[in-house]
Protein backbone atom coordinates (compact mmCIF):
# COMPACT_ATOMS: atom_id res chain seq x y z
CA UNK A 1 -48.73 81.73 40.67
CA UNK A 2 -47.83 84.87 38.83
CA UNK A 3 -44.24 85.33 37.85
CA UNK A 4 -42.88 88.86 38.05
CA UNK A 5 -39.94 89.67 35.82
CA UNK A 6 -37.41 91.95 37.47
CA UNK A 7 -35.01 93.83 35.23
CA UNK A 8 -31.70 95.22 36.43
CA UNK A 9 -29.93 98.24 35.02
CA UNK A 10 -26.28 97.58 34.39
CA UNK A 11 -23.90 99.19 36.89
CA UNK A 12 -22.12 102.10 35.26
CA UNK A 13 -19.03 103.82 36.64
CA UNK A 14 -19.49 107.62 36.89
CA UNK A 15 -15.99 108.16 35.55
CA UNK A 16 -16.33 105.73 32.65
CA UNK A 17 -17.05 106.74 29.08
CA UNK A 18 -20.36 104.84 29.27
CA UNK A 19 -21.85 107.10 31.96
CA UNK A 20 -23.36 109.68 29.63
CA UNK A 21 -24.53 106.94 27.28
CA UNK A 22 -26.31 105.22 30.14
CA UNK A 23 -27.92 108.45 31.36
CA UNK A 24 -28.73 110.26 28.18
CA UNK A 25 -28.33 107.73 25.43
CA UNK A 26 -25.61 107.45 22.84
CA UNK A 27 -26.68 110.45 20.87
CA UNK A 28 -25.07 113.21 22.98
CA UNK A 29 -23.80 116.14 20.90
CA UNK A 30 -20.16 117.23 21.43
CA UNK A 31 -19.35 120.95 21.88
CA UNK A 32 -18.78 122.84 18.64
CA UNK A 33 -15.18 123.83 17.94
CA UNK A 34 -15.90 127.55 18.31
CA UNK A 35 -17.18 127.00 21.88
CA UNK A 36 -14.08 125.00 22.78
CA UNK A 37 -11.87 127.75 21.40
CA UNK A 38 -13.86 130.36 23.34
CA UNK A 39 -13.42 128.43 26.60
CA UNK A 40 -9.67 128.10 26.03
CA UNK A 41 -9.30 131.80 25.18
CA UNK A 42 -11.34 132.81 28.23
CA UNK A 43 -9.19 130.62 30.45
CA UNK A 44 -5.99 132.11 29.04
CA UNK A 45 -7.33 135.64 29.65
CA UNK A 46 -8.20 134.84 33.25
CA UNK A 47 -4.76 133.41 33.90
CA UNK A 48 -3.09 136.38 32.18
CA UNK A 49 -5.08 139.00 34.10
CA UNK A 50 -4.45 137.20 37.39
CA UNK A 51 -0.75 136.95 36.65
CA UNK A 52 -0.53 140.63 35.69
CA UNK A 53 -2.31 141.69 38.89
CA UNK A 54 0.04 139.57 40.98
CA UNK A 55 3.10 140.96 39.18
CA UNK A 56 2.03 144.56 39.95
CA UNK A 57 1.32 143.64 43.57
CA UNK A 58 4.71 141.98 44.13
CA UNK A 59 6.52 144.74 42.23
CA UNK A 60 5.09 147.38 44.57
CA UNK A 61 5.87 145.22 47.62
CA UNK A 62 9.45 144.77 46.42
CA UNK A 63 9.92 148.52 45.85
CA UNK A 64 8.62 149.29 49.35
CA UNK A 65 10.83 146.61 50.93
CA UNK A 66 13.91 147.95 49.15
CA UNK A 67 13.23 151.49 50.31
CA UNK A 68 12.51 150.26 53.85
CA UNK A 69 15.82 148.38 53.92
CA UNK A 70 17.66 151.47 52.68
CA UNK A 71 15.89 153.61 55.27
CA UNK A 72 16.87 151.33 58.18
CA UNK A 73 20.49 151.31 57.03
CA UNK A 74 20.56 155.11 56.63
CA UNK A 75 18.86 155.67 59.98
CA UNK A 76 21.53 153.61 61.77
CA UNK A 77 24.27 155.60 60.03
CA UNK A 78 22.64 158.94 60.97
CA UNK A 79 22.22 157.91 64.60
CA UNK A 80 25.93 157.07 64.80
CA UNK A 81 27.12 160.33 63.26
CA UNK A 82 24.38 162.70 64.51
CA UNK A 83 23.39 161.61 68.02
CA UNK A 84 20.63 163.73 69.52
CA UNK A 85 22.60 164.50 72.71
CA UNK A 86 25.59 165.87 70.81
CA UNK A 87 23.41 168.15 68.71
CA UNK A 88 21.95 169.74 71.84
CA UNK A 89 25.16 169.63 73.83
CA UNK A 90 28.78 170.24 72.92
CA UNK A 91 28.92 173.45 74.93
CA UNK A 92 26.57 175.28 72.57
CA UNK A 93 24.22 177.77 74.21
CA UNK A 94 21.84 177.79 71.22
CA UNK A 95 19.05 175.22 71.10
CA UNK A 96 18.16 173.83 67.69
CA UNK A 97 14.56 174.47 66.71
CA UNK A 98 11.55 173.14 64.87
CA UNK A 99 10.16 175.54 62.26
CA UNK A 100 6.37 175.36 62.07
CA UNK A 101 5.21 176.39 58.60
CA UNK A 102 1.52 177.33 58.48
CA UNK A 103 -0.43 177.27 55.21
CA UNK A 104 -3.48 179.42 55.88
CA UNK A 105 -6.38 180.71 53.80
CA UNK A 106 -7.62 183.54 56.03
CA UNK A 107 -7.23 182.57 59.72
CA UNK A 108 -5.80 179.98 62.09
CA UNK A 109 -8.56 177.97 63.70
CA UNK A 110 -8.39 177.71 67.52
CA UNK A 111 -5.39 179.99 67.98
CA UNK A 112 -5.56 179.51 71.77
CA UNK A 113 -4.73 175.80 71.41
CA UNK A 114 -1.62 176.62 69.38
CA UNK A 115 -0.65 179.37 71.82
CA UNK A 116 -0.76 176.89 74.71
CA UNK A 117 1.26 174.43 72.64
CA UNK A 118 4.06 176.94 71.98
CA UNK A 119 3.98 178.50 75.47
CA UNK A 120 7.41 178.35 77.10
CA UNK A 121 9.04 176.86 74.00
CA UNK A 122 10.27 179.94 72.17
CA UNK A 123 13.86 178.67 72.25
CA UNK A 124 12.88 175.40 70.59
CA UNK A 125 10.41 176.60 67.96
CA UNK A 126 9.89 179.23 65.30
CA UNK A 127 6.70 180.09 63.43
CA UNK A 128 6.10 181.17 59.82
CA UNK A 129 2.68 181.81 58.29
CA UNK A 130 1.82 182.01 54.61
CA UNK A 131 -1.73 183.34 54.36
CA UNK A 132 -3.67 183.57 51.11
CA UNK A 133 -5.59 186.63 52.25
CA UNK A 134 -4.41 188.32 55.45
CA UNK A 135 -4.59 187.53 59.15
CA UNK A 136 -6.72 189.78 61.30
CA UNK A 137 -4.76 192.53 63.04
CA UNK A 138 -5.78 191.05 66.41
CA UNK A 139 -4.42 187.60 65.59
CA UNK A 140 -1.69 186.31 67.92
CA UNK A 141 0.08 185.01 64.81
CA UNK A 142 0.02 188.28 62.88
CA UNK A 143 3.67 188.91 63.78
CA UNK A 144 4.64 185.64 62.05
CA UNK A 145 2.83 186.40 58.77
CA UNK A 146 5.12 186.43 55.73
CA UNK A 147 5.08 189.51 53.53
CA UNK A 148 5.57 187.29 50.49
CA UNK A 149 2.36 185.85 49.07
CA UNK A 150 2.31 183.10 46.46
CA UNK A 151 -0.88 182.26 44.58
CA UNK A 152 -2.37 178.95 45.75
CA UNK A 153 -5.37 176.68 45.18
CA UNK A 154 -6.49 173.77 47.35
CA UNK A 155 -4.59 171.36 45.07
CA UNK A 156 -1.55 173.51 44.27
CA UNK A 157 0.41 174.90 47.20
CA UNK A 158 3.97 173.69 46.57
CA UNK A 159 5.35 177.05 45.45
CA UNK A 160 4.01 178.65 48.65
CA UNK A 161 5.59 175.84 50.65
CA UNK A 162 8.93 176.49 48.99
CA UNK A 163 8.56 180.19 49.89
CA UNK A 164 8.00 179.19 53.52
CA UNK A 165 11.11 177.01 53.45
CA UNK A 166 13.22 179.84 52.04
CA UNK A 167 12.13 182.14 54.84
CA UNK A 168 12.64 179.54 57.58
CA UNK A 169 16.09 178.55 56.30
CA UNK A 170 17.34 182.06 57.06
CA UNK A 171 17.50 180.96 60.70
CA UNK A 172 20.49 178.57 61.01
CA UNK A 173 19.07 177.06 64.22
CA UNK A 174 15.98 175.67 62.44
CA UNK A 175 16.67 171.95 62.04
CA UNK A 176 13.27 170.43 61.18
CA UNK A 177 10.53 172.00 59.06
CA UNK A 178 6.92 171.01 59.79
CA UNK A 179 4.04 171.91 57.47
CA UNK A 180 0.64 172.38 59.12
CA UNK A 181 -2.65 173.85 57.93
CA UNK A 182 -4.68 176.65 59.45
CA UNK A 183 -7.37 174.17 60.50
CA UNK A 184 -5.01 171.63 62.06
CA UNK A 185 -4.20 171.20 65.76
CA UNK A 186 -1.47 169.53 67.80
CA UNK A 187 -2.70 166.40 69.60
CA UNK A 188 0.50 165.84 71.60
CA UNK A 189 2.43 168.00 74.05
CA UNK A 190 5.30 170.07 72.66
CA UNK A 191 7.96 168.07 74.53
CA UNK A 192 6.76 164.84 72.92
CA UNK A 193 6.70 166.44 69.44
CA UNK A 194 10.20 167.83 69.90
CA UNK A 195 11.58 164.52 71.10
CA UNK A 196 9.99 162.57 68.23
CA UNK A 197 11.21 164.92 65.51
CA UNK A 198 14.69 165.57 66.89
CA UNK A 199 15.72 162.00 67.68
CA UNK A 200 17.26 161.67 64.20
CA UNK A 201 18.19 163.81 61.19
CA UNK A 202 15.70 162.26 58.76
CA UNK A 203 12.61 163.71 57.10
CA UNK A 204 9.26 162.20 58.08
CA UNK A 205 6.23 161.65 55.86
CA UNK A 206 4.30 158.76 54.37
CA UNK A 207 4.88 158.06 50.69
CA UNK A 208 4.20 155.39 48.07
CA UNK A 209 4.78 154.80 44.39
CA UNK A 210 2.57 156.93 42.12
CA UNK A 211 -0.03 154.43 40.91
CA UNK A 212 -2.05 157.25 39.30
CA UNK A 213 0.29 157.02 36.29
CA UNK A 214 -0.43 153.31 35.70
CA UNK A 215 -3.17 152.70 33.07
CA UNK A 216 -3.74 149.22 34.52
CA UNK A 217 -4.33 150.52 38.04
CA UNK A 218 -7.78 151.23 39.48
CA UNK A 219 -6.26 154.52 40.71
CA UNK A 220 -5.24 155.64 37.21
CA UNK A 221 -5.66 159.40 36.89
CA UNK A 222 -3.78 161.00 33.97
CA UNK A 223 -3.81 164.48 35.55
CA UNK A 224 -1.52 163.15 38.28
CA UNK A 225 0.99 161.67 35.87
CA UNK A 226 4.31 163.52 36.11
CA UNK A 227 5.46 163.99 32.53
CA UNK A 228 9.21 164.14 32.05
CA UNK A 229 10.01 162.20 35.23
CA UNK A 230 11.03 158.52 34.98
CA UNK A 231 8.22 156.05 35.64
CA UNK A 232 9.95 154.42 38.61
CA UNK A 233 10.84 157.78 40.20
CA UNK A 234 7.29 159.09 40.43
CA UNK A 235 5.90 158.99 43.96
CA UNK A 236 3.06 160.47 45.99
CA UNK A 237 2.99 161.61 49.60
CA UNK A 238 1.01 163.42 52.26
CA UNK A 239 1.02 167.19 51.84
CA UNK A 240 1.84 167.61 55.53
CA UNK A 241 5.49 166.62 55.53
CA UNK A 242 8.32 167.08 58.01
CA UNK A 243 11.60 167.90 56.28
CA UNK A 244 15.18 167.79 57.51
CA UNK A 245 17.32 170.86 56.96
CA UNK A 246 19.36 168.99 54.37
CA UNK A 247 16.28 168.18 52.28
CA UNK A 248 14.78 171.65 52.73
CA UNK A 249 17.99 173.27 51.47
CA UNK A 250 18.03 170.99 48.43
CA UNK A 251 14.40 171.72 47.55
CA UNK A 252 14.73 175.51 47.62
CA UNK A 253 17.66 175.22 45.19
CA UNK A 254 15.74 172.99 42.78
CA UNK A 255 14.32 174.42 39.58
CA UNK A 256 14.10 171.33 37.36
CA UNK A 257 11.86 168.86 39.24
CA UNK A 258 9.56 171.52 40.71
CA UNK A 259 8.89 172.97 37.24
CA UNK A 260 7.74 169.55 36.05
CA UNK A 261 5.67 168.61 39.10
CA UNK A 262 3.69 171.85 39.29
CA UNK A 263 2.25 171.06 35.86
CA UNK A 264 0.25 168.22 37.42
CA UNK A 265 -2.71 168.22 39.77
CA UNK A 266 -1.94 168.07 43.52
CA UNK A 267 1.69 169.16 43.22
CA UNK A 268 1.93 169.21 47.04
CA UNK A 269 1.23 165.45 47.13
CA UNK A 270 3.96 164.59 44.64
CA UNK A 271 6.90 166.95 44.88
CA UNK A 272 8.68 166.05 48.16
CA UNK A 273 8.74 162.29 47.58
CA UNK A 274 9.39 162.51 43.83
CA UNK A 275 12.20 165.03 44.25
CA UNK A 276 13.94 162.84 46.82
CA UNK A 277 13.37 159.72 44.70
CA UNK A 278 15.09 161.39 41.74
CA UNK A 279 17.98 162.25 44.08
CA UNK A 280 18.01 158.64 45.38
CA UNK A 281 17.40 159.95 48.89
CA UNK A 282 14.08 158.35 49.86
CA UNK A 283 16.05 156.16 52.25
CA UNK A 284 16.51 159.34 54.31
CA UNK A 285 12.76 159.54 54.96
CA UNK A 286 10.84 157.85 57.77
CA UNK A 287 7.79 156.51 55.92
CA UNK A 288 5.06 157.30 58.43
CA UNK A 289 2.44 160.05 58.90
CA UNK A 290 2.65 162.86 61.44
CA UNK A 291 -0.79 164.33 60.61
CA UNK A 292 -4.16 162.59 61.08
CA UNK A 293 -6.41 163.27 58.09
CA UNK A 294 -9.60 161.24 57.66
CA UNK A 295 -10.50 160.55 54.05
CA UNK A 296 -13.94 158.99 53.77
CA UNK A 297 -14.68 156.98 50.65
CA UNK A 298 -16.67 158.95 48.10
CA UNK A 299 -15.75 162.38 49.49
CA UNK A 300 -13.48 164.81 47.63
CA UNK A 301 -12.27 166.52 50.82
CA UNK A 302 -11.18 165.30 54.27
CA UNK A 303 -13.60 164.77 57.13
CA UNK A 304 -14.07 167.81 59.39
CA UNK A 305 -14.06 167.38 63.17
CA UNK A 306 -16.99 169.43 64.50
CA UNK A 307 -18.23 167.79 67.71
CA UNK A 308 -16.01 166.42 70.47
CA UNK A 309 -19.07 164.92 72.15
CA UNK A 310 -19.43 162.59 69.19
CA UNK A 311 -18.01 159.16 70.03
CA UNK A 312 -16.66 158.43 66.55
CA UNK A 313 -14.66 161.66 66.41
CA UNK A 314 -13.16 161.30 69.88
CA UNK A 315 -12.25 157.66 69.20
CA UNK A 316 -10.43 158.62 66.01
CA UNK A 317 -8.41 161.25 67.87
CA UNK A 318 -7.67 158.96 70.82
CA UNK A 319 -6.45 156.21 68.51
CA UNK A 320 -4.18 158.65 66.65
CA UNK A 321 -2.74 159.97 69.93
CA UNK A 322 -2.02 156.42 71.12
CA UNK A 323 -0.24 155.69 67.83
CA UNK A 324 2.06 158.69 68.33
CA UNK A 325 0.52 160.88 65.59
CA UNK A 326 1.49 164.48 66.31
CA UNK A 327 -1.18 166.61 64.62
CA UNK A 328 -4.73 166.32 63.27
CA UNK A 329 -7.00 168.15 60.83
CA UNK A 330 -9.54 169.47 59.82
CA UNK A 331 -11.21 171.19 62.80
CA UNK A 332 -14.31 173.34 62.43
CA UNK A 333 -14.11 176.80 64.01
CA UNK A 334 -17.09 175.97 66.25
CA UNK A 335 -15.71 172.59 67.36
CA UNK A 336 -15.56 172.29 71.17
CA UNK A 337 -11.94 171.12 71.18
CA UNK A 338 -11.31 172.12 74.80
CA UNK A 339 -13.77 169.48 76.00
CA UNK A 340 -11.44 166.69 74.80
CA UNK A 341 -8.35 168.34 76.32
CA UNK A 342 -6.40 168.77 73.07
């Protein structure tokens, strides 16, 4: 009879100090000190970067929450002291108006759509057009063209916008001031626009803190840093703003902030919000857009609507209309806008 010797390996706990000895022998080499130091330093860097990112995130959230709280408080105060019914009533025979301020290069696209929009609303609207070149003599808006012309580029239009405000403020019945482009169109009926804008005395435009000035931000862009203006007072906004008469009157009297902002790129996307922030009046702004503008990633300019038979384009417009957005841009001259009943 043959005897077979059976050997048993000793049971080793995975968490014990003998595990590696049992698996690899006793001659395992510990990590060199420089590698340990490198691991510790790398870990500290990861924690630091993560903490810094979180601090910036919560700082921006806190700023927005503070401004939102101020806005809600101010809105309630304005509604108590400036009710919409009183402004239109009180025995006055003069209706307060919305001033539509057009920034145009050479022509207004789809004039017929705008004509239908304004039809029958002369007592509730006024029109002012700043055109870089000159409107055609046959244009229905030629009578509204300003004689004053201010030099503009696609990224610098604020001085022309101030000129429009100065002209529109001459009419004491103009209460709200709406900036639109020559290639924009209304996507709501006039009555709806009037009701939305006149239900309070606040300005309306979307704004946020100017992260282009922050070297640690992925949006850092030195050309959009506003030198001379406090870090926490620098903001950015949509160019297509709606201003209250109070804010419009303040802006046309300003020489200090405007002179600093126009030194930067895209002055039209910084001045309104930054000016009001310096005045501690951002709480008097409804932070929401009134103009649909589609910015596609990787493109330097907004998307152009050119085919109302295209499902994507009609869906974008329908969604904006359902959200209560008032206007949209940019529309190509050949776009079949009538087919979607704008």
